[in-house]
Protein backbone atom coordinates (compact mmCIF):
# COMPACT_ATOMS: atom_id res chain seq x y z
CA UNK A 1 71.59 106.30 8.58
CA UNK A 2 68.87 107.42 6.19
CA UNK A 3 70.04 109.87 3.58
CA UNK A 4 67.92 113.06 3.69
CA UNK A 5 65.95 113.90 0.56
CA UNK A 6 66.80 117.58 0.92
CA UNK A 7 69.20 119.50 3.07
CA UNK A 8 69.00 123.27 3.28
CA UNK A 9 72.24 125.02 2.42
CA UNK A 10 73.13 128.32 4.01
CA UNK A 11 72.88 131.26 1.58
CA UNK A 12 76.65 131.81 1.65
CA UNK A 13 77.46 128.15 0.89
CA UNK A 14 77.78 128.37 -2.90
CA UNK A 15 79.74 131.67 -2.96
CA UNK A 16 82.25 130.34 -0.40
CA UNK A 17 82.72 127.08 -2.30
CA UNK A 18 83.18 128.99 -5.56
CA UNK A 19 85.72 131.37 -3.99
CA UNK A 20 87.70 128.43 -2.62
CA UNK A 21 87.83 126.80 -6.02
CA UNK A 22 88.86 130.08 -7.69
CA UNK A 23 91.85 130.17 -5.33
CA UNK A 24 92.86 126.66 -6.42
CA UNK A 25 91.48 124.76 -3.45
CA UNK A 26 89.89 121.35 -3.95
CA UNK A 27 86.47 121.29 -2.29
CA UNK A 28 84.49 118.15 -1.65
CA UNK A 29 80.95 119.41 -1.16
CA UNK A 30 79.17 116.96 1.16
CA UNK A 31 76.25 119.16 2.19
CA UNK A 32 73.66 116.83 0.66
CA UNK A 33 74.66 114.06 3.07
CA UNK A 34 73.41 115.97 6.12
CA UNK A 35 73.37 114.45 9.58
CA UNK A 36 76.78 114.29 11.24
CA UNK A 37 78.69 114.97 8.00
CA UNK A 38 80.02 118.54 7.83
CA UNK A 39 79.32 120.61 4.69
CA UNK A 40 82.71 120.37 2.99
CA UNK A 41 86.26 119.15 3.18
CA UNK A 42 88.68 121.71 1.77
CA UNK A 43 92.12 120.60 0.53
CA UNK A 44 94.90 123.13 -0.03
CA UNK A 45 98.62 123.49 0.53
CA UNK A 46 99.04 119.95 1.80
CA UNK A 47 96.21 120.11 4.34
CA UNK A 48 92.62 118.92 4.52
CA UNK A 49 90.15 120.76 6.74
CA UNK A 50 86.52 119.80 7.38
CA UNK A 51 84.41 122.95 7.11
CA UNK A 52 80.87 123.62 8.30
CA UNK A 53 79.52 126.64 6.43
CA UNK A 54 77.10 128.82 8.36
CA UNK A 55 75.41 132.10 7.56
CA UNK A 56 76.45 134.87 9.97
CA UNK A 57 74.54 134.31 13.21
CA UNK A 58 73.66 130.75 12.20
CA UNK A 59 73.75 127.98 14.78
CA UNK A 60 75.03 124.44 14.63
CA UNK A 61 72.66 121.51 14.73
CA UNK A 62 73.21 118.98 17.51
CA UNK A 63 74.68 116.55 14.94
CA UNK A 64 77.09 119.17 13.57
CA UNK A 65 78.28 120.11 17.06
CA UNK A 66 78.74 116.42 17.92
CA UNK A 67 80.75 115.85 14.73
CA UNK A 68 83.06 118.76 15.46
CA UNK A 69 83.71 117.47 18.97
CA UNK A 70 84.22 113.90 17.74
CA UNK A 71 86.75 115.02 15.12
CA UNK A 72 88.65 117.04 17.71
CA UNK A 73 89.10 113.89 19.84
CA UNK A 74 91.24 112.38 17.07
CA UNK A 75 93.25 115.52 16.38
CA UNK A 76 91.27 116.83 13.43
CA UNK A 77 90.53 120.56 13.56
CA UNK A 78 87.27 121.30 11.76
CA UNK A 79 86.20 124.91 11.39
CA UNK A 80 82.98 126.85 11.10
CA UNK A 81 83.15 129.35 8.26
CA UNK A 82 80.91 132.29 7.48
CA UNK A 83 83.29 133.76 4.86
CA UNK A 84 86.22 132.71 2.71
CA UNK A 85 88.44 134.57 5.19
CA UNK A 86 87.64 131.98 7.89
CA UNK A 87 88.93 129.25 5.58
CA UNK A 88 92.04 131.19 4.56
CA UNK A 89 92.86 131.79 8.23
CA UNK A 90 92.57 128.05 8.95
CA UNK A 91 95.20 127.34 6.29
CA UNK A 92 97.72 129.87 7.66
């Protein structure tokens, strides 16, 4: 896999990551990897959740959709987040 020279982040990416960190979550920001790797992995309250951050109305790439389906086959529940509330709900 060739590492992309630039990956475009959604406009809400940085605010969501910052809000997560302000709440004490550990966020591994992987957005620069691109391809099949989802944007972040968020760790909190004994759980780790892969998170693809999308602007409202944004669509998944084919690679992102394939990654989400592949992770589900091994019991991992990735989420698509447009706000911090989507992430908080996933940790309930």
